[in-house]
Amino acid sequence: MARAKYWENEQPQEVNTGRNRIRFFREARRLQVCMADWQDEHGETRQGKTVGVDLAALEEAEPEELQRAAAIFAEIAGNLESAAAVVGSGPQGRVAA
């Protein structure tokens, strides 16, 4: 049986920082994390190396594993919210990289 190509059938929510990209396919229950896009020898833009997470499969894990996964995602969300608050506070709040 052919596997449906969810990335061709659904427009993801996407965050692109230029250094990496996060793509969330709500209907397909997939999360992709990609490295930066790159150009091949023909000048065509290619998607960087990508790792996908099957969220539906994750949700079938044992309760203890689900709690660990939820804690990881909560920590990531907290870190992003803190970073957004620093960036939103103006140039004095952000250290140049």
N, C-alpha and C. Protein backbone atom coordinates (compact mmCIF):
# COMPACT_ATOMS: atom_id res chain seq x y z
N MET A 1 0.84 -1.18 0.00
CA MET A 1 0.00 0.00 0.00
C MET A 1 0.89 1.25 0.00
N ALA A 2 0.57 2.19 -0.87
CA ALA A 2 1.33 3.44 -0.93
C ALA A 2 1.01 4.31 0.27
N ARG A 3 2.02 4.93 0.79
CA ARG A 3 1.85 5.81 1.94
C ARG A 3 1.52 7.21 1.49
N ALA A 4 0.51 7.81 2.11
CA ALA A 4 0.12 9.18 1.75
C ALA A 4 1.25 10.15 2.08
N LYS A 5 1.51 11.05 1.17
CA LYS A 5 2.54 12.07 1.38
C LYS A 5 1.86 13.28 2.00
N TYR A 6 1.80 13.29 3.32
CA TYR A 6 1.08 14.33 4.04
C TYR A 6 1.62 15.72 3.72
N TRP A 7 2.92 15.84 3.46
CA TRP A 7 3.53 17.13 3.17
C TRP A 7 3.09 17.69 1.83
N GLU A 8 2.54 16.84 0.96
CA GLU A 8 2.01 17.30 -0.32
C GLU A 8 0.53 17.64 -0.22
N ASN A 9 -0.15 17.13 0.80
CA ASN A 9 -1.60 17.28 0.93
C ASN A 9 -2.02 18.30 1.96
N GLU A 10 -1.11 18.78 2.75
CA GLU A 10 -1.46 19.69 3.84
C GLU A 10 -0.45 20.83 3.93
N GLN A 11 -0.95 22.03 4.12
CA GLN A 11 -0.10 23.20 4.32
C GLN A 11 0.23 23.29 5.81
N PRO A 12 1.50 23.22 6.19
CA PRO A 12 1.85 23.22 7.61
C PRO A 12 1.88 24.62 8.20
N GLN A 13 1.76 24.68 9.52
CA GLN A 13 2.14 25.89 10.23
C GLN A 13 3.66 25.83 10.26
N GLU A 14 4.30 26.99 10.03
CA GLU A 14 5.75 26.94 9.88
C GLU A 14 6.43 28.11 10.59
N VAL A 15 7.57 27.80 11.18
CA VAL A 15 8.45 28.81 11.75
C VAL A 15 9.79 28.61 11.08
N ASN A 16 10.32 29.70 10.48
CA ASN A 16 11.60 29.62 9.78
C ASN A 16 12.51 30.72 10.33
N THR A 17 13.56 30.31 11.03
CA THR A 17 14.48 31.28 11.63
C THR A 17 15.65 31.61 10.71
N GLY A 18 15.72 30.92 9.59
CA GLY A 18 16.88 31.07 8.72
C GLY A 18 17.97 30.05 9.04
N ARG A 19 18.01 29.64 10.27
CA ARG A 19 18.99 28.63 10.69
C ARG A 19 18.34 27.26 10.87
N ASN A 20 17.04 27.27 11.10
CA ASN A 20 16.28 26.03 11.17
C ASN A 20 14.81 26.34 10.91
N ARG A 21 14.03 25.28 10.74
CA ARG A 21 12.62 25.44 10.44
C ARG A 21 11.84 24.37 11.19
N ILE A 22 10.71 24.77 11.72
CA ILE A 22 9.79 23.84 12.37
C ILE A 22 8.51 23.85 11.55
N ARG A 23 8.03 22.69 11.20
CA ARG A 23 6.80 22.56 10.41
C ARG A 23 5.84 21.64 11.16
N PHE A 24 4.62 22.12 11.41
CA PHE A 24 3.62 21.34 12.12
C PHE A 24 2.46 21.05 11.18
N PHE A 25 2.22 19.78 10.91
CA PHE A 25 1.12 19.32 10.08
C PHE A 25 0.02 18.81 11.01
N ARG A 26 -0.92 19.69 11.31
CA ARG A 26 -1.96 19.39 12.30
C ARG A 26 -2.79 18.16 11.93
N GLU A 27 -3.29 18.11 10.71
CA GLU A 27 -4.15 16.99 10.31
C GLU A 27 -3.40 15.67 10.28
N ALA A 28 -2.17 15.69 9.82
CA ALA A 28 -1.37 14.47 9.72
C ALA A 28 -0.75 14.08 11.06
N ARG A 29 -0.80 15.00 12.04
CA ARG A 29 -0.22 14.77 13.36
C ARG A 29 1.29 14.51 13.25
N ARG A 30 1.96 15.37 12.47
CA ARG A 30 3.41 15.26 12.27
C ARG A 30 4.09 16.58 12.60
N LEU A 31 5.27 16.49 13.18
CA LEU A 31 6.11 17.63 13.47
C LEU A 31 7.44 17.39 12.79
N GLN A 32 7.90 18.36 12.00
CA GLN A 32 9.20 18.26 11.35
C GLN A 32 10.11 19.35 11.89
N VAL A 33 11.38 19.00 12.10
CA VAL A 33 12.41 19.96 12.45
C VAL A 33 13.48 19.84 11.38
N CYS A 34 13.76 20.97 10.72
CA CYS A 34 14.67 20.97 9.57
C CYS A 34 15.86 21.88 9.82
N MET A 35 17.00 21.49 9.28
CA MET A 35 18.15 22.39 9.26
C MET A 35 17.90 23.43 8.17
N ALA A 36 18.77 24.41 8.06
CA ALA A 36 18.60 25.49 7.09
C ALA A 36 18.55 24.95 5.66
N ASP A 37 17.75 25.64 4.82
CA ASP A 37 17.73 25.32 3.40
C ASP A 37 19.11 25.56 2.81
N TRP A 38 19.39 24.94 1.68
CA TRP A 38 20.68 25.09 1.02
C TRP A 38 20.46 25.08 -0.49
N GLN A 39 21.46 25.53 -1.22
CA GLN A 39 21.38 25.53 -2.67
C GLN A 39 22.28 24.45 -3.25
N ASP A 40 21.71 23.72 -4.22
CA ASP A 40 22.50 22.67 -4.86
C ASP A 40 23.35 23.27 -5.98
N GLU A 41 24.06 22.42 -6.69
CA GLU A 41 24.98 22.88 -7.73
C GLU A 41 24.28 23.57 -8.91
N HIS A 42 22.95 23.41 -8.99
CA HIS A 42 22.17 24.05 -10.06
C HIS A 42 21.51 25.33 -9.58
N GLY A 43 21.80 25.71 -8.34
CA GLY A 43 21.22 26.93 -7.79
C GLY A 43 19.80 26.77 -7.26
N GLU A 44 19.33 25.53 -7.19
CA GLU A 44 17.98 25.28 -6.68
C GLU A 44 18.01 25.17 -5.15
N THR A 45 17.02 25.74 -4.51
CA THR A 45 16.94 25.68 -3.05
C THR A 45 16.40 24.32 -2.64
N ARG A 46 17.08 23.70 -1.71
CA ARG A 46 16.69 22.38 -1.18
C ARG A 46 16.44 22.50 0.32
N GLN A 47 15.51 21.71 0.79
CA GLN A 47 15.23 21.69 2.23
C GLN A 47 16.38 21.01 2.96
N GLY A 48 16.77 21.58 4.09
CA GLY A 48 17.83 20.98 4.89
C GLY A 48 17.41 19.63 5.47
N LYS A 49 18.37 18.94 6.03
CA LYS A 49 18.09 17.65 6.64
C LYS A 49 16.93 17.80 7.61
N THR A 50 16.04 16.82 7.59
CA THR A 50 14.79 16.92 8.33
C THR A 50 14.56 15.68 9.17
N VAL A 51 14.06 15.92 10.38
CA VAL A 51 13.64 14.84 11.26
C VAL A 51 12.15 15.03 11.51
N GLY A 52 11.40 13.97 11.39
CA GLY A 52 9.96 14.04 11.62
C GLY A 52 9.57 13.27 12.87
N VAL A 53 8.57 13.81 13.57
CA VAL A 53 8.03 13.15 14.75
C VAL A 53 6.58 12.80 14.46
N ASP A 54 6.24 11.53 14.57
CA ASP A 54 4.85 11.07 14.40
C ASP A 54 4.15 11.28 15.74
N LEU A 55 3.41 12.37 15.85
CA LEU A 55 2.76 12.70 17.12
C LEU A 55 1.68 11.70 17.50
N ALA A 56 1.00 11.13 16.51
CA ALA A 56 -0.01 10.12 16.81
C ALA A 56 0.62 8.90 17.48
N ALA A 57 1.78 8.48 16.99
CA ALA A 57 2.48 7.35 17.60
C ALA A 57 2.97 7.72 18.99
N LEU A 58 3.45 8.94 19.14
CA LEU A 58 3.92 9.39 20.45
C LEU A 58 2.78 9.35 21.47
N GLU A 59 1.59 9.74 21.03
CA GLU A 59 0.43 9.77 21.93
C GLU A 59 -0.01 8.37 22.37
N GLU A 60 0.50 7.32 21.72
CA GLU A 60 0.17 5.95 22.09
C GLU A 60 1.17 5.36 23.09
N ALA A 61 2.14 6.15 23.48
CA ALA A 61 3.17 5.66 24.40
C ALA A 61 2.59 5.42 25.79
N GLU A 62 3.37 4.77 26.61
CA GLU A 62 2.98 4.52 28.00
C GLU A 62 2.84 5.86 28.74
N PRO A 63 1.98 5.92 29.75
CA PRO A 63 1.75 7.18 30.47
C PRO A 63 3.04 7.84 30.97
N GLU A 64 3.97 7.05 31.49
CA GLU A 64 5.23 7.62 31.99
C GLU A 64 6.01 8.31 30.87
N GLU A 65 6.05 7.69 29.69
CA GLU A 65 6.75 8.27 28.55
C GLU A 65 6.02 9.51 28.05
N LEU A 66 4.70 9.49 28.08
CA LEU A 66 3.92 10.67 27.69
C LEU A 66 4.23 11.84 28.62
N GLN A 67 4.36 11.57 29.90
CA GLN A 67 4.67 12.63 30.85
C GLN A 67 6.06 13.20 30.58
N ARG A 68 7.01 12.34 30.26
CA ARG A 68 8.36 12.81 29.94
C ARG A 68 8.34 13.69 28.68
N ALA A 69 7.62 13.23 27.66
CA ALA A 69 7.52 14.00 26.42
C ALA A 69 6.86 15.35 26.68
N ALA A 70 5.78 15.34 27.46
CA ALA A 70 5.09 16.59 27.78
C ALA A 70 6.02 17.55 28.53
N ALA A 71 6.83 17.02 29.43
CA ALA A 71 7.78 17.86 30.18
C ALA A 71 8.82 18.47 29.24
N ILE A 72 9.28 17.71 28.27
CA ILE A 72 10.26 18.21 27.30
C ILE A 72 9.64 19.34 26.49
N PHE A 73 8.44 19.10 25.95
CA PHE A 73 7.77 20.13 25.16
C PHE A 73 7.45 21.37 26.00
N ALA A 74 7.08 21.17 27.26
CA ALA A 74 6.79 22.31 28.14
C ALA A 74 8.06 23.13 28.38
N GLU A 75 9.19 22.46 28.57
CA GLU A 75 10.45 23.17 28.78
C GLU A 75 10.82 23.97 27.53
N ILE A 76 10.67 23.35 26.37
CA ILE A 76 10.95 24.05 25.11
C ILE A 76 10.04 25.26 24.97
N ALA A 77 8.75 25.09 25.22
CA ALA A 77 7.80 26.20 25.11
C ALA A 77 8.15 27.32 26.08
N GLY A 78 8.53 26.98 27.29
CA GLY A 78 8.93 27.99 28.28
C GLY A 78 10.16 28.76 27.83
N ASN A 79 11.14 28.04 27.29
CA ASN A 79 12.35 28.70 26.80
C ASN A 79 12.04 29.65 25.65
N LEU A 80 11.15 29.23 24.74
CA LEU A 80 10.79 30.09 23.61
C LEU A 80 10.02 31.32 24.07
N GLU A 81 9.13 31.13 25.03
CA GLU A 81 8.38 32.27 25.57
C GLU A 81 9.32 33.26 26.25
N SER A 82 10.29 32.77 26.99
CA SER A 82 11.27 33.65 27.63
C SER A 82 12.10 34.40 26.60
N ALA A 83 12.53 33.71 25.56
CA ALA A 83 13.31 34.35 24.51
C ALA A 83 12.48 35.41 23.79
N ALA A 84 11.21 35.12 23.54
CA ALA A 84 10.34 36.09 22.87
C ALA A 84 10.14 37.32 23.73
N ALA A 85 10.05 37.14 25.03
CA ALA A 85 9.89 38.27 25.94
C ALA A 85 11.13 39.15 25.94
N VAL A 86 12.31 38.53 25.88
CA VAL A 86 13.56 39.29 25.85
C VAL A 86 13.67 40.08 24.55
N VAL A 87 13.36 39.42 23.43
CA VAL A 87 13.43 40.09 22.13
C VAL A 87 12.41 41.23 22.08
N GLY A 88 11.22 40.99 22.64
CA GLY A 88 10.18 42.00 22.63
C GLY A 88 10.44 43.17 23.54
N SER A 89 11.43 43.06 24.43
CA SER A 89 11.69 44.14 25.38
C SER A 89 12.61 45.21 24.80
N GLY A 90 13.05 45.01 23.56
CA GLY A 90 13.88 46.03 22.92
C GLY A 90 15.33 45.61 22.83
N PRO A 91 16.15 46.43 22.17
CA PRO A 91 17.54 46.06 21.93
C PRO A 91 18.37 45.89 23.18
N GLN A 92 17.99 46.57 24.26
CA GLN A 92 18.77 46.45 25.48
C GLN A 92 18.65 45.07 26.12
N GLY A 93 17.59 44.31 25.76
CA GLY A 93 17.37 43.02 26.38
C GLY A 93 18.04 41.86 25.67
N ARG A 94 18.56 42.06 24.47
CA ARG A 94 19.11 40.97 23.68
C ARG A 94 20.61 41.11 23.49
N VAL A 95 21.32 40.03 23.74
CA VAL A 95 22.77 40.02 23.53
C VAL A 95 23.01 39.56 22.10
N ALA A 96 23.80 40.27 21.36
CA ALA A 96 24.11 39.90 19.97
C ALA A 96 24.88 38.60 19.94
N ALA A 97 24.56 37.78 18.96
CA ALA A 97 25.23 36.49 18.82
C ALA A 97 26.52 36.62 18.06
